[in-house]
């Protein structure tokens, strides 16, 4: 019974330590997207260089394009004017 309890506590401690030490992944928009039939728009945007994207597209009838989220950036939000009658 003691060995079972000790093993359980060790597993729980290891699980807790691994959860405390991990951080959420940061989102990053890569500059090139793999596009074509079956991939969609904007496509698979996981390429840091054009050469990486072209190597992945080779022989697959796909092409590379600039990621629209990177090219156009975050568009500013327009504010609506509210007119009030007092």
N, C-alpha and C. Protein backbone atom coordinates (compact mmCIF):
# COMPACT_ATOMS: atom_id res chain seq x y z
N UNK A 1 0.82 -1.19 0.00
CA UNK A 1 0.00 0.00 0.00
C UNK A 1 0.87 1.26 0.00
N UNK A 2 1.95 1.21 0.78
CA UNK A 2 2.83 2.37 0.82
C UNK A 2 3.48 2.63 -0.53
N UNK A 3 3.93 1.56 -1.16
CA UNK A 3 4.59 1.71 -2.46
C UNK A 3 3.63 2.25 -3.51
N UNK A 4 2.39 1.81 -3.47
CA UNK A 4 1.39 2.30 -4.41
C UNK A 4 1.11 3.77 -4.19
N UNK A 5 0.97 4.16 -2.94
CA UNK A 5 0.73 5.57 -2.60
C UNK A 5 1.93 6.43 -3.00
N UNK A 6 3.13 5.93 -2.76
CA UNK A 6 4.34 6.68 -3.12
C UNK A 6 4.44 6.82 -4.64
N UNK A 7 4.13 5.77 -5.38
CA UNK A 7 4.16 5.83 -6.83
C UNK A 7 3.12 6.82 -7.36
N UNK A 8 1.93 6.80 -6.78
CA UNK A 8 0.88 7.72 -7.19
C UNK A 8 1.27 9.17 -6.92
N UNK A 9 1.84 9.42 -5.77
CA UNK A 9 2.28 10.79 -5.43
C UNK A 9 3.40 11.25 -6.37
N UNK A 10 4.29 10.34 -6.75
CA UNK A 10 5.38 10.69 -7.65
C UNK A 10 4.83 11.05 -9.03
N UNK A 11 3.88 10.28 -9.51
CA UNK A 11 3.27 10.57 -10.81
C UNK A 11 2.52 11.89 -10.77
N UNK A 12 1.78 12.15 -9.73
CA UNK A 12 1.06 13.42 -9.61
C UNK A 12 2.02 14.60 -9.52
N UNK A 13 3.11 14.45 -8.79
CA UNK A 13 4.10 15.53 -8.67
C UNK A 13 4.75 15.81 -10.02
N UNK A 14 5.08 14.76 -10.75
CA UNK A 14 5.70 14.94 -12.07
C UNK A 14 4.72 15.61 -13.03
N UNK A 15 3.46 15.22 -13.00
CA UNK A 15 2.45 15.84 -13.86
C UNK A 15 2.25 17.30 -13.53
N UNK A 16 2.21 17.63 -12.25
CA UNK A 16 2.06 19.01 -11.82
C UNK A 16 3.26 19.85 -12.25
N UNK A 17 4.45 19.30 -12.10
CA UNK A 17 5.66 20.03 -12.49
C UNK A 17 5.70 20.29 -13.98
N UNK A 18 5.25 19.34 -14.77
CA UNK A 18 5.27 19.55 -16.22
C UNK A 18 4.23 20.58 -16.65
N UNK A 19 3.10 20.64 -15.96
CA UNK A 19 2.07 21.62 -16.31
C UNK A 19 2.48 23.03 -15.89
N UNK A 20 3.18 23.15 -14.79
CA UNK A 20 3.59 24.47 -14.31
C UNK A 20 4.66 25.05 -15.22
N UNK A 21 5.55 24.21 -15.73
CA UNK A 21 6.66 24.68 -16.54
C UNK A 21 6.31 24.98 -17.98
N UNK A 22 5.16 24.59 -18.45
CA UNK A 22 4.83 24.81 -19.86
C UNK A 22 4.05 26.09 -20.03
N UNK A 23 4.32 26.76 -21.14
CA UNK A 23 3.63 28.00 -21.47
C UNK A 23 2.85 27.79 -22.77
N UNK A 24 1.79 28.55 -22.98
CA UNK A 24 1.06 28.39 -24.23
C UNK A 24 1.91 28.83 -25.42
N UNK A 25 1.68 28.23 -26.55
CA UNK A 25 2.42 28.57 -27.76
C UNK A 25 2.02 29.95 -28.25
N UNK A 26 3.00 30.71 -28.69
CA UNK A 26 2.73 32.04 -29.21
C UNK A 26 2.31 31.93 -30.67
N UNK A 27 1.29 32.65 -31.04
CA UNK A 27 0.83 32.64 -32.42
C UNK A 27 1.77 33.49 -33.27
N UNK A 28 2.09 32.99 -34.44
CA UNK A 28 2.99 33.71 -35.33
C UNK A 28 2.50 33.52 -36.75
N UNK A 29 2.38 34.60 -37.48
CA UNK A 29 1.98 34.54 -38.88
C UNK A 29 3.24 34.51 -39.75
N UNK A 30 3.45 33.41 -40.44
CA UNK A 30 4.58 33.29 -41.34
C UNK A 30 4.28 34.04 -42.63
N UNK A 31 5.32 34.54 -43.32
CA UNK A 31 5.08 35.40 -44.48
C UNK A 31 4.65 34.70 -45.76
N UNK A 32 4.80 33.37 -45.88
CA UNK A 32 4.45 32.69 -47.12
C UNK A 32 3.45 31.58 -46.88
N UNK A 33 2.49 31.46 -47.81
CA UNK A 33 1.44 30.45 -47.72
C UNK A 33 1.47 29.56 -48.95
N UNK A 34 1.26 28.28 -48.71
CA UNK A 34 1.12 27.30 -49.77
C UNK A 34 -0.34 27.28 -50.18
N UNK A 35 -0.60 27.52 -51.46
CA UNK A 35 -1.98 27.60 -51.93
C UNK A 35 -2.19 26.71 -53.15
N UNK A 36 -3.44 26.39 -53.39
CA UNK A 36 -3.79 25.59 -54.55
C UNK A 36 -5.03 24.78 -54.26
N UNK A 37 -5.32 23.87 -55.17
CA UNK A 37 -6.52 23.06 -55.05
C UNK A 37 -6.42 22.14 -53.83
N UNK A 38 -7.43 22.20 -52.99
CA UNK A 38 -7.47 21.37 -51.80
C UNK A 38 -6.84 21.99 -50.58
N UNK A 39 -6.14 23.10 -50.73
CA UNK A 39 -5.50 23.75 -49.59
C UNK A 39 -6.33 24.93 -49.11
N UNK A 40 -6.99 25.62 -50.03
CA UNK A 40 -7.84 26.74 -49.65
C UNK A 40 -7.10 28.05 -49.60
N UNK A 41 -7.82 29.07 -49.16
CA UNK A 41 -7.27 30.41 -49.05
C UNK A 41 -7.36 30.84 -47.59
N UNK A 42 -6.39 31.35 -46.93
CA UNK A 42 -5.09 31.73 -47.43
C UNK A 42 -4.15 30.55 -47.63
N UNK A 43 -4.51 29.36 -47.20
CA UNK A 43 -3.67 28.20 -47.43
C UNK A 43 -2.93 27.78 -46.18
N UNK A 44 -1.87 27.04 -46.41
CA UNK A 44 -1.03 26.56 -45.30
C UNK A 44 0.08 27.58 -45.11
N UNK A 45 -0.06 28.44 -44.13
CA UNK A 45 0.88 29.56 -43.92
C UNK A 45 1.89 29.19 -42.83
N UNK A 46 2.83 28.34 -43.17
CA UNK A 46 3.80 27.91 -42.18
C UNK A 46 5.23 27.93 -42.73
N UNK A 47 5.50 28.89 -43.61
CA UNK A 47 6.81 28.95 -44.26
C UNK A 47 7.46 30.31 -44.02
N UNK A 48 8.70 30.26 -43.52
CA UNK A 48 9.43 31.50 -43.22
C UNK A 48 10.07 32.10 -44.47
N UNK A 49 10.41 31.27 -45.45
CA UNK A 49 11.04 31.77 -46.67
C UNK A 49 10.27 31.26 -47.89
N UNK A 50 10.45 31.97 -48.98
CA UNK A 50 9.81 31.58 -50.24
C UNK A 50 10.38 30.24 -50.73
N UNK A 51 11.67 30.03 -50.49
CA UNK A 51 12.31 28.78 -50.91
C UNK A 51 11.72 27.58 -50.18
N UNK A 52 11.45 27.72 -48.88
CA UNK A 52 10.82 26.63 -48.12
C UNK A 52 9.45 26.31 -48.70
N UNK A 53 8.71 27.33 -49.00
CA UNK A 53 7.36 27.15 -49.54
C UNK A 53 7.42 26.47 -50.90
N UNK A 54 8.32 26.91 -51.77
CA UNK A 54 8.44 26.33 -53.10
C UNK A 54 8.91 24.87 -53.04
N UNK A 55 9.77 24.56 -52.09
CA UNK A 55 10.22 23.17 -51.94
C UNK A 55 9.06 22.28 -51.53
N UNK A 56 8.18 22.78 -50.70
CA UNK A 56 7.01 22.01 -50.28
C UNK A 56 5.99 21.89 -51.41
N UNK A 57 5.90 22.91 -52.25
CA UNK A 57 4.94 22.91 -53.35
C UNK A 57 5.41 22.06 -54.53
N UNK A 58 6.67 21.77 -54.60
CA UNK A 58 7.25 21.06 -55.73
C UNK A 58 6.60 19.70 -55.93
N UNK A 59 6.10 19.48 -57.12
CA UNK A 59 5.50 18.21 -57.49
C UNK A 59 4.09 17.99 -56.98
N UNK A 60 3.49 19.00 -56.38
CA UNK A 60 2.15 18.85 -55.80
C UNK A 60 1.10 19.71 -56.50
N UNK A 61 1.47 20.37 -57.60
CA UNK A 61 0.56 21.25 -58.33
C UNK A 61 0.01 22.35 -57.43
N UNK A 62 0.89 22.90 -56.59
CA UNK A 62 0.54 24.00 -55.69
C UNK A 62 1.48 25.16 -55.96
N UNK A 63 1.17 26.31 -55.41
CA UNK A 63 2.02 27.49 -55.57
C UNK A 63 2.13 28.23 -54.26
N UNK A 64 3.04 29.19 -54.21
CA UNK A 64 3.27 29.97 -52.99
C UNK A 64 2.84 31.41 -53.20
N UNK A 65 2.31 32.00 -52.16
CA UNK A 65 1.89 33.40 -52.20
C UNK A 65 2.19 34.03 -50.85
N UNK A 66 2.16 35.34 -50.84
CA UNK A 66 2.38 36.07 -49.60
C UNK A 66 1.16 35.92 -48.70
N UNK A 67 1.40 35.72 -47.43
CA UNK A 67 0.34 35.58 -46.44
C UNK A 67 -0.42 36.92 -46.36
N UNK A 68 -1.72 36.93 -46.62
CA UNK A 68 -2.46 38.20 -46.59
C UNK A 68 -2.48 38.85 -45.21
N UNK A 69 -2.41 38.07 -44.16
CA UNK A 69 -2.38 38.66 -42.82
C UNK A 69 -1.09 39.41 -42.57
N UNK A 70 0.00 38.95 -43.18
CA UNK A 70 1.28 39.64 -43.04
C UNK A 70 1.34 40.82 -43.99
N UNK A 71 0.87 40.62 -45.23
CA UNK A 71 0.96 41.67 -46.24
C UNK A 71 0.12 42.89 -45.88
N UNK A 72 -1.07 42.66 -45.39
CA UNK A 72 -1.96 43.78 -45.11
C UNK A 72 -2.00 44.16 -43.64
N UNK A 73 -1.46 43.34 -42.78
CA UNK A 73 -1.43 43.64 -41.36
C UNK A 73 -2.82 43.70 -40.75
N UNK A 74 -2.86 44.10 -39.53
CA UNK A 74 -4.14 44.24 -38.83
C UNK A 74 -4.79 45.53 -39.28
N UNK A 75 -5.95 45.42 -39.85
CA UNK A 75 -6.65 46.60 -40.33
C UNK A 75 -7.24 47.37 -39.14
N UNK A 76 -7.13 48.70 -39.17
CA UNK A 76 -7.70 49.47 -38.07
C UNK A 76 -9.22 49.34 -38.04
N UNK A 77 -9.75 49.29 -36.87
CA UNK A 77 -11.19 49.18 -36.70
C UNK A 77 -11.81 50.56 -36.87
N UNK A 78 -12.86 50.63 -37.67
CA UNK A 78 -13.55 51.90 -37.84
C UNK A 78 -14.57 52.06 -36.72
N UNK A 79 -14.65 53.25 -36.24
CA UNK A 79 -15.63 53.54 -35.20
C UNK A 79 -16.86 54.14 -35.84
N UNK A 80 -17.98 53.70 -35.35
CA UNK A 80 -19.23 54.26 -35.84
C UNK A 80 -19.54 55.51 -35.03
N UNK A 81 -19.94 56.52 -35.72
CA UNK A 81 -20.36 57.73 -35.02
C UNK A 81 -21.81 57.55 -34.57
N UNK A 82 -22.03 57.91 -33.37
CA UNK A 82 -23.38 57.80 -32.82
C UNK A 82 -23.90 59.22 -32.63
N UNK A 83 -24.98 59.51 -33.30
CA UNK A 83 -25.61 60.81 -33.18
C UNK A 83 -26.83 60.67 -32.27
N UNK A 84 -26.89 61.55 -31.34
CA UNK A 84 -28.00 61.50 -30.40
C UNK A 84 -28.81 62.79 -30.48
N UNK A 85 -30.08 62.64 -30.37
CA UNK A 85 -30.97 63.80 -30.30
C UNK A 85 -31.29 64.05 -28.83
N UNK A 86 -30.91 65.21 -28.37
CA UNK A 86 -31.22 65.55 -26.97
C UNK A 86 -32.28 66.59 -26.93
